[in-house]
């Protein structure tokens, strides 16, 4: 029992630290704690349909042999299904919420959903071996945050930037590309798998830039709205 609790804690800690990091970045206009918690819960729930769809895809569409099979598993089975399911939960349960009123909110909510997903996946893969949980704490968990965080930026643009209503499609495409590359490198089971580290580093740097861009856009929008309220009427 104590080992199981230790495994749960080891699976949860990296996700909790990353959620806390992005909540702190968003402290100027923070999201409701309850909605942050619900977003993480949606990530928990997203594991079920994702697992069912992945099993169904593997049975209905046999993977090709060789490298083509690795590409299929990486991009079509894992990346497309997992990021697609996360996007479904984001759009179904969070997109229309009044609290989702900034571009940066898209990143925060997407990361919360993705890290709820990553916690469950992390535990299922590593509860028998703490070494697996340790490795995934620095690879798969931040990876999910990067993949879905980038998608969340475009989801925020889709909701809040005029004329960008379909920007979420680009976000999904980027998430699938990054997630697929990550899985592809790991599935080669060669020295190429070490390339996931620079991939994650580059993804993390890109996500940081996107968060800064989102905050800048949100600040500009708030300033513009404030100016419009203060501007005297034309007589």
Foldseek 3Di string as FASTA:
>chain_A
DVLLVVLLCLLQVLLVVVLVVLQVVVVVQGFDPVVLVVLLVLLLVLLVVLVVQLVVCCVVPPADDDLSSLLCCLQPNPQLSSLVSLVCCCVVPPLPDPSLAFLLVLLSSQSSSLLSNSSVVLSVVDSVHSVSSVVCSLFVNLLSSLLRSQLSNQSSCLRHPPPSVPSSVVSSVSSSVLRSVQSSQVVVVDPSNVVSNVSSVVSVVVSVVSSVVRVVVRVVVVVVVVCVVVDDDDD
